[in-house]
C-alpha atoms as a PDB file:
ATOM      1  CA  MET A   1     155.458-156.238  29.855  1.00  0.00           C
ATOM      2  CA  SER A   2     156.327-155.092  33.771  1.00  0.00           C
ATOM      3  CA  ASN A   3     159.634-156.358  35.189  1.00  0.00           C
ATOM      4  CA  THR A   4     159.271-155.341  38.692  1.00  0.00           C
ATOM      5  CA  PRO A   5     160.773-158.217  40.985  1.00  0.00           C
ATOM      6  CA  VAL A   6     158.486-159.019  43.506  1.00  0.00           C
ATOM      7  CA  ASP A   7     160.027-159.229  46.859  1.00  0.00           C
ATOM      8  CA  ASP A   8     159.448-163.162  47.399  1.00  0.00           C
ATOM      9  CA  THR A   9     160.499-164.212  50.833  1.00  0.00           C
ATOM     10  CA  ILE A  10     162.533-167.453  50.106  1.00  0.00           C
ATOM     11  CA  VAL A  11     162.268-170.069  52.155  1.00  0.00           C
ATOM     12  CA  ASP A  12     165.464-171.870  53.012  1.00  0.00           C
ATOM     13  CA  THR A  13     164.975-175.205  54.587  1.00  0.00           C
ATOM     14  CA  ASP A  14     168.923-176.325  53.724  1.00  0.00           C
ATOM     15  CA  PRO A  15     167.833-179.864  52.293  1.00  0.00           C
ATOM     16  CA  ILE A  16     171.116-181.445  50.176  1.00  0.00           C
ATOM     17  CA  PRO A  17     172.370-179.152  48.122  1.00  0.00           C
ATOM     18  CA  THR A  18     171.639-180.524  44.627  1.00  0.00           C
ATOM     19  CA  VAL A  19     174.566-181.707  42.065  1.00  0.00           C
ATOM     20  CA  LEU A  20     175.527-179.452  39.606  1.00  0.00           C
ATOM     21  CA  PRO A  21     175.855-181.033  35.707  1.00  0.00           C
ATOM     22  CA  GLY A  22     179.235-180.209  34.551  1.00  0.00           C
ATOM     23  CA  GLY A  23     179.393-178.427  31.396  1.00  0.00           C
ATOM     24  CA  THR A  24     182.269-177.659  28.841  1.00  0.00           C
ATOM     25  CA  SER A  25     181.702-174.305  29.568  1.00  0.00           C
ATOM     26  CA  LEU A  26     183.007-174.705  33.018  1.00  0.00           C
ATOM     27  CA  PRO A  27     186.718-173.877  33.945  1.00  0.00           C
ATOM     28  CA  ARG A  28     188.095-177.048  34.716  1.00  0.00           C
ATOM     29  CA  TYR A  29     189.558-176.887  38.432  1.00  0.00           C
ATOM     30  CA  SER A  30     193.458-176.857  38.244  1.00  0.00           C
ATOM     31  CA  LEU A  31     195.912-176.188  41.310  1.00  0.00           C
ATOM     32  CA  GLY A  32     198.328-174.723  39.206  1.00  0.00           C
ATOM     33  CA  ALA A  33     200.391-175.226  35.661  1.00  0.00           C
ATOM     34  CA  ASP A  34     203.617-175.544  37.892  1.00  0.00           C
ATOM     35  CA  PHE A  35     202.036-178.154  40.791  1.00  0.00           C
ATOM     36  CA  GLN A  36     203.460-181.397  41.887  1.00  0.00           C
ATOM     37  CA  PHE A  37     201.872-183.732  43.678  1.00  0.00           C
ATOM     38  CA  THR A  38     203.261-185.297  46.587  1.00  0.00           C
ATOM     39  CA  ALA A  39     205.011-188.801  45.654  1.00  0.00           C
ATOM     40  CA  ARG A  40     202.690-191.269  47.829  1.00  0.00           C
ATOM     41  CA  PRO A  41     203.961-195.152  47.942  1.00  0.00           C
ATOM     42  CA  VAL A  42     201.448-196.935  46.371  1.00  0.00           C
ATOM     43  CA  ASP A  43     200.559-200.768  45.728  1.00  0.00           C
ATOM     44  CA  VAL A  44     200.694-201.141  42.120  1.00  0.00           C
ATOM     45  CA  GLN A  45     198.796-204.633  42.324  1.00  0.00           C
ATOM     46  CA  LYS A  46     195.949-203.725  44.544  1.00  0.00           C
ATOM     47  CA  THR A  47     195.348-200.182  43.053  1.00  0.00           C
ATOM     48  CA  THR A  48     194.823-202.528  39.295  1.00  0.00           C
ATOM     49  CA  VAL A  49     193.027-205.222  40.879  1.00  0.00           C
ATOM     50  CA  SER A  50     190.820-203.491  42.999  1.00  0.00           C
ATOM     51  CA  ALA A  51     186.769-202.867  42.699  1.00  0.00           C
ATOM     52  CA  ALA A  52     187.816-199.009  43.089  1.00  0.00           C
ATOM     53  CA  ALA A  53     190.326-199.173  40.078  1.00  0.00           C
ATOM     54  CA  ASN A  54     187.510-200.404  37.693  1.00  0.00           C
ATOM     55  CA  ARG A  55     185.600-197.067  38.347  1.00  0.00           C
ATOM     56  CA  LEU A  56     188.021-194.295  37.970  1.00  0.00           C
ATOM     57  CA  ASN A  57     189.405-192.774  34.886  1.00  0.00           C
ATOM     58  CA  PRO A  58     191.875-194.647  32.861  1.00  0.00           C
ATOM     59  CA  THR A  59     193.696-191.858  32.645  1.00  0.00           C
ATOM     60  CA  THR A  60     194.036-191.044  36.488  1.00  0.00           C
ATOM     61  CA  TYR A  61     196.147-194.633  35.643  1.00  0.00           C
ATOM     62  CA  ALA A  62     198.794-192.603  33.175  1.00  0.00           C
ATOM     63  CA  ASP A  63     202.068-194.359  33.074  1.00  0.00           C
ATOM     64  CA  LYS A  64     203.328-190.983  33.859  1.00  0.00           C
ATOM     65  CA  TYR A  65     202.072-190.594  37.203  1.00  0.00           C
ATOM     66  CA  PHE A  66     204.013-193.960  38.604  1.00  0.00           C
ATOM     67  CA  LYS A  67     207.793-193.450  39.309  1.00  0.00           C
ATOM     68  CA  ARG A  68     210.130-195.516  41.253  1.00  0.00           C
ATOM     69  CA  GLN A  69     212.209-194.360  44.207  1.00  0.00           C
ATOM     70  CA  GLY A  70     214.400-196.891  45.753  1.00  0.00           C
ATOM     71  CA  ASN A  71     212.710-200.325  46.276  1.00  0.00           C
ATOM     72  CA  ARG A  72     208.920-198.990  46.173  1.00  0.00           C
ATOM     73  CA  MET A  73     206.679-197.570  43.788  1.00  0.00           C
ATOM     74  CA  VAL A  74     205.365-194.246  44.161  1.00  0.00           C
ATOM     75  CA  TYR A  75     202.335-192.335  42.415  1.00  0.00           C
ATOM     76  CA  VAL A  76     202.383-188.070  41.676  1.00  0.00           C
ATOM     77  CA  GLY A  77     198.928-188.475  39.836  1.00  0.00           C
ATOM     78  CA  PRO A  78     195.629-186.742  40.462  1.00  0.00           C
ATOM     79  CA  GLY A  79     193.784-189.632  41.823  1.00  0.00           C
ATOM     80  CA  LEU A  80     193.132-189.703  45.995  1.00  0.00           C
ATOM     81  CA  VAL A  81     195.390-192.809  47.449  1.00  0.00           C
ATOM     82  CA  ASP A  82     194.353-194.436  50.843  1.00  0.00           C
ATOM     83  CA  GLY A  83     196.358-196.100  53.312  1.00  0.00           C
ATOM     84  CA  ASN A  84     197.320-199.443  51.999  1.00  0.00           C
ATOM     85  CA  GLY A  85     198.452-197.583  48.609  1.00  0.00           C
ATOM     86  CA  VAL A  86     195.696-197.967  46.554  1.00  0.00           C
ATOM     87  CA  ILE A  87     194.374-195.414  44.273  1.00  0.00           C
ATOM     88  CA  LYS A  88     190.523-195.300  45.545  1.00  0.00           C
ATOM     89  CA  ARG A  89     189.096-192.238  44.129  1.00  0.00           C
ATOM     90  CA  GLU A  90     188.806-189.440  41.954  1.00  0.00           C
ATOM     91  CA  PRO A  91     189.575-185.743  43.739  1.00  0.00           C
ATOM     92  CA  TYR A  92     186.630-184.067  45.086  1.00  0.00           C
ATOM     93  CA  ASP A  93     184.543-182.061  42.661  1.00  0.00           C
ATOM     94  CA  PRO A  94     185.860-178.666  43.524  1.00  0.00           C
ATOM     95  CA  ALA A  95     182.702-177.392  40.934  1.00  0.00           C
ATOM     96  CA  ASN A  96     180.409-179.224  43.742  1.00  0.00           C
ATOM     97  CA  ILE A  97     182.836-178.598  46.566  1.00  0.00           C
ATOM     98  CA  ASP A  98     179.249-177.702  48.696  1.00  0.00           C
ATOM     99  CA  THR A  99     177.717-181.143  47.495  1.00  0.00           C
ATOM    100  CA  GLU A 100     180.599-183.081  48.566  1.00  0.00           C
ATOM    101  CA  ALA A 101     181.333-181.596  51.812  1.00  0.00           C
ATOM    102  CA  TYR A 102     176.817-182.191  52.770  1.00  0.00           C
ATOM    103  CA  ARG A 103     177.662-185.706  51.767  1.00  0.00           C
ATOM    104  CA  PHE A 104     180.701-186.096  53.128  1.00  0.00           C
ATOM    105  CA  LEU A 105     179.168-185.050  56.732  1.00  0.00           C
ATOM    106  CA  ALA A 106     175.876-187.335  55.872  1.00  0.00           C
ATOM    107  CA  GLY A 107     177.868-190.451  55.565  1.00  0.00           C
ATOM    108  CA  LYS A 108     179.212-190.420  59.264  1.00  0.00           C
ATOM    109  CA  GLY A 109     177.182-190.569  62.270  1.00  0.00           C
ATOM    110  CA  ARG A 110     176.663-187.157  64.506  1.00  0.00           C
ATOM    111  CA  GLY A 111     179.598-188.449  67.218  1.00  0.00           C
ATOM    112  CA  ASP A 112     181.939-188.800  64.475  1.00  0.00           C
ATOM    113  CA  ARG A 113     180.251-185.660  62.768  1.00  0.00           C
ATOM    114  CA  ILE A 114     181.226-183.390  65.715  1.00  0.00           C
ATOM    115  CA  ALA A 115     184.557-184.612  66.759  1.00  0.00           C
ATOM    116  CA  PHE A 116     185.412-184.648  62.935  1.00  0.00           C
ATOM    117  CA  LEU A 117     184.562-181.008  62.757  1.00  0.00           C
ATOM    118  CA  ASN A 118     186.162-179.887  66.498  1.00  0.00           C
ATOM    119  CA  THR A 119     189.070-181.252  64.756  1.00  0.00           C
ATOM    120  CA  LEU A 120     188.978-178.651  61.610  1.00  0.00           C
ATOM    121  CA  ALA A 121     188.445-176.246  64.191  1.00  0.00           C
ATOM    122  CA  ASP A 122     191.210-176.448  66.108  1.00  0.00           C
ATOM    123  CA  ARG A 123     193.375-176.864  62.561  1.00  0.00           C
ATOM    124  CA  GLY A 124     192.005-173.256  61.914  1.00  0.00           C
ATOM    125  CA  LEU A 125     189.608-174.058  59.232  1.00  0.00           C
ATOM    126  CA  TYR A 126     186.347-172.554  61.552  1.00  0.00           C
ATOM    127  CA  ASP A 127     188.563-169.149  61.605  1.00  0.00           C
ATOM    128  CA  GLY A 128     188.637-169.107  65.128  1.00  0.00           C
ATOM    129  CA  GLY A 129     184.765-170.128  65.569  1.00  0.00           C
ATOM    130  CA  LYS A 130     183.266-173.064  66.487  1.00  0.00           C
ATOM    131  CA  PRO A 131     181.522-175.819  64.766  1.00  0.00           C
ATOM    132  CA  SER A 132     177.361-175.701  64.851  1.00  0.00           C
ATOM    133  CA  THR A 133     174.847-177.462  67.174  1.00  0.00           C
ATOM    134  CA  SER A 134     173.278-178.773  64.024  1.00  0.00           C
ATOM    135  CA  THR A 135     176.631-180.224  62.466  1.00  0.00           C
ATOM    136  CA  PHE A 136     175.127-178.505  58.796  1.00  0.00           C
ATOM    137  CA  ASP A 137     175.372-175.424  59.331  1.00  0.00           C
ATOM    138  CA  ALA A 138     176.697-173.093  56.377  1.00  0.00           C
ATOM    139  CA  LYS A 139     180.159-172.570  58.218  1.00  0.00           C
ATOM    140  CA  ASP A 140     180.476-176.293  58.799  1.00  0.00           C
ATOM    141  CA  ILE A 141     180.389-176.902  55.035  1.00  0.00           C
ATOM    142  CA  ASN A 142     182.579-174.151  54.411  1.00  0.00           C
ATOM    143  CA  ALA A 143     185.202-175.551  56.604  1.00  0.00           C
ATOM    144  CA  VAL A 144     184.784-179.443  55.213  1.00  0.00           C
ATOM    145  CA  SER A 145     184.756-178.020  51.558  1.00  0.00           C
ATOM    146  CA  GLN A 146     188.549-176.599  52.552  1.00  0.00           C
ATOM    147  CA  TYR A 147     189.352-179.886  54.033  1.00  0.00           C
ATOM    148  CA  LEU A 148     188.230-182.003  50.903  1.00  0.00           C
ATOM    149  CA  LEU A 149     190.466-179.140  48.693  1.00  0.00           C
ATOM    150  CA  GLU A 150     192.859-179.868  50.685  1.00  0.00           C
ATOM    151  CA  LEU A 151     192.761-183.920  50.398  1.00  0.00           C
ATOM    152  CA  ASN A 152     192.949-183.032  46.589  1.00  0.00           C
ATOM    153  CA  ARG A 153     196.003-181.244  47.105  1.00  0.00           C
ATOM    154  CA  TRP A 154     197.449-183.796  49.148  1.00  0.00           C
ATOM    155  CA  GLY A 155     196.076-186.443  46.805  1.00  0.00           C
ATOM    156  CA  VAL A 156     195.132-188.691  50.042  1.00  0.00           C
ATOM    157  CA  THR A 157     191.962-190.336  51.073  1.00  0.00           C
ATOM    158  CA  GLU A 158     189.868-189.327  54.436  1.00  0.00           C
ATOM    159  CA  ASP A 159     191.406-192.418  55.989  1.00  0.00           C
ATOM    160  CA  ILE A 160     194.881-190.795  56.355  1.00  0.00           C
ATOM    161  CA  GLY A 161     193.701-187.309  55.121  1.00  0.00           C
ATOM    162  CA  LEU A 162     193.467-186.013  58.844  1.00  0.00           C
ATOM    163  CA  ALA A 163     196.697-187.284  59.787  1.00  0.00           C
ATOM    164  CA  TYR A 164     198.046-184.819  56.842  1.00  0.00           C
ATOM    165  CA  LEU A 165     196.177-181.980  58.661  1.00  0.00           C
ATOM    166  CA  THR A 166     196.777-182.449  62.083  1.00  0.00           C
ATOM    167  CA  ASN A 167     200.637-183.183  61.512  1.00  0.00           C
ATOM    168  CA  GLU A 168     200.847-179.860  59.239  1.00  0.00           C
ATOM    169  CA  TYR A 169     201.979-181.557  56.255  1.00  0.00           C
ATOM    170  CA  PRO A 170     204.182-179.310  53.911  1.00  0.00           C
ATOM    171  CA  GLY A 171     202.369-178.315  50.829  1.00  0.00           C
ATOM    172  CA  GLY A 172     198.953-177.994  52.544  1.00  0.00           C
ATOM    173  CA  GLN A 173     197.645-174.599  53.033  1.00  0.00           C
ATOM    174  CA  ALA A 174     195.079-175.673  56.016  1.00  0.00           C
ATOM    175  CA  ARG A 175     198.009-175.600  58.385  1.00  0.00           C
ATOM    176  CA  THR A 176     197.539-171.124  57.550  1.00  0.00           C
ATOM    177  CA  GLY A 177     194.033-171.252  59.063  1.00  0.00           C
ATOM    178  CA  ARG A 178     193.034-169.730  56.024  1.00  0.00           C
ATOM    179  CA  LYS A 179     189.231-169.191  55.612  1.00  0.00           C
ATOM    180  CA  VAL A 180     187.847-169.093  52.170  1.00  0.00           C
ATOM    181  CA  ARG A 181     185.742-166.124  52.464  1.00  0.00           C
ATOM    182  CA  VAL A 182     182.439-166.283  49.918  1.00  0.00           C
ATOM    183  CA  THR A 183     179.702-163.474  49.140  1.00  0.00           C
ATOM    184  CA  ALA A 184     176.784-164.339  52.092  1.00  0.00           C
ATOM    185  CA  LYS A 185     173.598-166.621  50.931  1.00  0.00           C
ATOM    186  CA  GLU A 186     171.455-163.547  51.791  1.00  0.00           C
ATOM    187  CA  ASP A 187     173.644-160.573  49.237  1.00  0.00           C
ATOM    188  CA  LEU A 188     173.498-163.394  47.065  1.00  0.00           C
ATOM    189  CA  GLN A 189     169.586-164.302  47.033  1.00  0.00           C
ATOM    190  CA  THR A 190     168.848-160.552  46.159  1.00  0.00           C
ATOM    191  CA  VAL A 191     171.534-159.616  43.250  1.00  0.00           C
ATOM    192  CA  LEU A 192     170.237-163.166  41.688  1.00  0.00           C
ATOM    193  CA  ARG A 193     166.354-162.282  41.910  1.00  0.00           C
ATOM    194  CA  GLU A 194     167.304-158.442  40.084  1.00  0.00           C
ATOM    195  CA  GLU A 195     169.308-161.025  37.630  1.00  0.00           C
ATOM    196  CA  SER A 196     166.636-163.709  37.126  1.00  0.00           C
ATOM    197  CA  PHE A 197     163.448-160.817  35.991  1.00  0.00           C
ATOM    198  CA  ARG A 198     166.483-158.876  33.919  1.00  0.00           C
ATOM    199  CA  GLN A 199     167.007-162.110  31.993  1.00  0.00           C
ATOM    200  CA  LEU A 200     164.535-164.255  32.471  1.00  0.00           C
ATOM    201  CA  GLY A 201     161.251-162.275  33.119  1.00  0.00           C
ATOM    202  CA  ARG A 202     160.416-164.122  36.354  1.00  0.00           C
ATOM    203  CA  SER A 203     161.941-165.075  40.045  1.00  0.00           C
ATOM    204  CA  MET A 204     163.945-167.621  40.254  1.00  0.00           C
ATOM    205  CA  THR A 205     162.229-170.739  42.716  1.00  0.00           C
ATOM    206  CA  PRO A 206     163.537-171.242  46.040  1.00  0.00           C
ATOM    207  CA  LYS A 207     165.469-174.670  44.727  1.00  0.00           C
ATOM    208  CA  GLU A 208     167.015-172.603  41.706  1.00  0.00           C
ATOM    209  CA  VAL A 209     168.343-169.961  44.091  1.00  0.00           C
ATOM    210  CA  ARG A 210     169.643-172.599  46.158  1.00  0.00           C
ATOM    211  CA  ASP A 211     171.486-174.063  43.426  1.00  0.00           C
ATOM    212  CA  ALA A 212     172.671-170.510  41.834  1.00  0.00           C
ATOM    213  CA  VAL A 213     173.718-169.835  45.436  1.00  0.00           C
ATOM    214  CA  GLN A 214     175.861-172.892  45.870  1.00  0.00           C
ATOM    215  CA  PHE A 215     177.198-172.709  41.964  1.00  0.00           C
ATOM    216  CA  ILE A 216     179.111-168.858  42.946  1.00  0.00           C
ATOM    217  CA  GLN A 217     179.912-169.808  46.574  1.00  0.00           C
ATOM    218  CA  SER A 218     181.798-172.864  44.656  1.00  0.00           C
ATOM    219  CA  ARG A 219     183.736-170.608  42.130  1.00  0.00           C
ATOM    220  CA  GLU A 220     184.540-168.785  44.575  1.00  0.00           C
ATOM    221  CA  ARG A 221     186.511-171.222  47.110  1.00  0.00           C
ATOM    222  CA  GLN A 222     187.549-172.806  43.504  1.00  0.00           C
ATOM    223  CA  ALA A 223     189.238-169.671  42.548  1.00  0.00           C
ATOM    224  CA  ALA A 224     190.763-169.076  46.033  1.00  0.00           C
ATOM    225  CA  MET A 225     191.729-172.791  46.724  1.00  0.00           C
ATOM    226  CA  GLY A 226     193.291-173.220  42.978  1.00  0.00           C
ATOM    227  CA  GLY A 227     195.828-170.006  43.274  1.00  0.00           C
ATOM    228  CA  ALA A 228     193.763-167.796  41.390  1.00  0.00           C
ATOM    229  CA  GLU A 229     194.104-163.998  43.192  1.00  0.00           C
ATOM    230  CA  GLN A 230     190.693-163.427  42.442  1.00  0.00           C
ATOM    231  CA  ALA A 231     187.383-165.158  41.540  1.00  0.00           C
ATOM    232  CA  PRO A 232     185.417-163.514  37.909  1.00  0.00           C
ATOM    233  CA  ALA A 233     183.292-160.383  39.229  1.00  0.00           C
ATOM    234  CA  LEU A 234     179.924-161.006  41.250  1.00  0.00           C
ATOM    235  CA  SER A 235     178.432-159.688  38.449  1.00  0.00           C
ATOM    236  CA  THR A 236     179.899-162.418  35.949  1.00  0.00           C
ATOM    237  CA  LEU A 237     178.984-165.261  38.251  1.00  0.00           C
ATOM    238  CA  THR A 238     175.664-164.180  38.775  1.00  0.00           C
ATOM    239  CA  THR A 239     174.622-163.873  35.102  1.00  0.00           C
ATOM    240  CA  GLU A 240     176.365-167.632  34.833  1.00  0.00           C
ATOM    241  CA  ALA A 241     174.675-169.037  37.521  1.00  0.00           C
ATOM    242  CA  VAL A 242     170.992-167.192  36.116  1.00  0.00           C
ATOM    243  CA  THR A 243     171.406-168.331  32.466  1.00  0.00           C
ATOM    244  CA  ARG A 244     173.018-171.136  32.545  1.00  0.00           C
ATOM    245  CA  GLY A 245     170.635-174.198  31.287  1.00  0.00           C
ATOM    246  CA  ARG A 246     168.050-171.761  30.378  1.00  0.00           C
ATOM    247  CA  GLU A 247     169.004-170.493  27.183  1.00  0.00           C
ATOM    248  CA  ASP A 248     166.232-170.418  25.675  1.00  0.00           C
ATOM    249  CA  GLU A 249     164.492-168.603  28.498  1.00  0.00           C
ATOM    250  CA  VAL A 250     166.774-165.649  28.247  1.00  0.00           C
ATOM    251  CA  GLN A 251     166.499-165.470  24.146  1.00  0.00           C
ATOM    252  CA  LEU A 252     162.744-165.553  24.451  1.00  0.00           C
ATOM    253  CA  GLU A 253     163.157-162.656  26.875  1.00  0.00           C
ATOM    254  CA  GLY A 254     165.467-161.048  25.034  1.00  0.00           C
ATOM    255  CA  PHE A 255     162.729-160.738  21.984  1.00  0.00           C
ATOM    256  CA  ARG A 256     159.836-159.747  24.289  1.00  0.00           C
ATOM    257  CA  THR A 257     162.263-156.898  25.724  1.00  0.00           C
ATOM    258  CA  LEU A 258     163.024-156.172  21.822  1.00  0.00           C
ATOM    259  CA  ALA A 259     159.054-155.929  21.021  1.00  0.00           C
ATOM    260  CA  ASP A 260     158.549-154.174  24.283  1.00  0.00           C
ATOM    261  CA  LEU A 261     161.148-151.518  22.921  1.00  0.00           C
ATOM    262  CA  VAL A 262     159.747-151.160  19.416  1.00  0.00           C
ATOM    263  CA  GLU A 263     156.210-150.369  20.555  1.00  0.00           C
ATOM    264  CA  ARG A 264     157.117-147.564  23.172  1.00  0.00           C
ATOM    265  CA  VAL A 265     159.359-146.279  20.503  1.00  0.00           C
ATOM    266  CA  PHE A 266     157.021-146.976  17.502  1.00  0.00           C
ATOM    267  CA  GLY A 267     153.321-146.452  19.372  1.00  0.00           C
ATOM    268  CA  GLY A 268     152.427-150.236  18.448  1.00  0.00           C
ATOM    269  CA  ALA A 269     150.058-150.780  15.563  1.00  0.00           C
END
């Protein structure tokens, strides 16, 4: 059979990214074994009786995360604490950070989005650039993704996150203006098209390509913001993006390739 790729143009209308299912094969996000969360004042009563408390992972409320400092209680765990001292939510999911960023922006009105993105630009998250007019361009998603990962690092929710950012709170890295660089979407589309023919014997659909691009870029950001010196090799990420969830297709294509090889060697029946 022929495995020659067909140069299909991928039409990308930039819909909301698909939430990628979690899996045990994916490395868990880590701020590093030695990372210590800043102690945030917490209202234990509000935290334990609030509606949000019942929706979070019980490990978020582990006793080891609560400490007394003088006459107040502080929290040093991974949950995000709001301005009222309530552990309000789990950290944003780094493996799906583009989706998290899109939803974060979509939850704001246009005026609020523009003001918010301008603030991120002022703090250096656009690497000297400016927000797009659409407010949902790739550079906007990248800036917001970095900001959400900083919220994870600071352990606070949005209502006080900008104060942390604006005041260049110690321990955060947004103040450095560091831009997390990821492989361009156009480059990924090319290598994904080639890899899909090699692994699956077919071209990926536009939706599959979008999901794969999101997966690779999220893993690259995850490695950078999590403190890793470098992300896994692009070839490794590309293979994982193509094959994850398609193991049966990969196996079938392997059988076909083997059958083709046998036929070429022995001349068929």
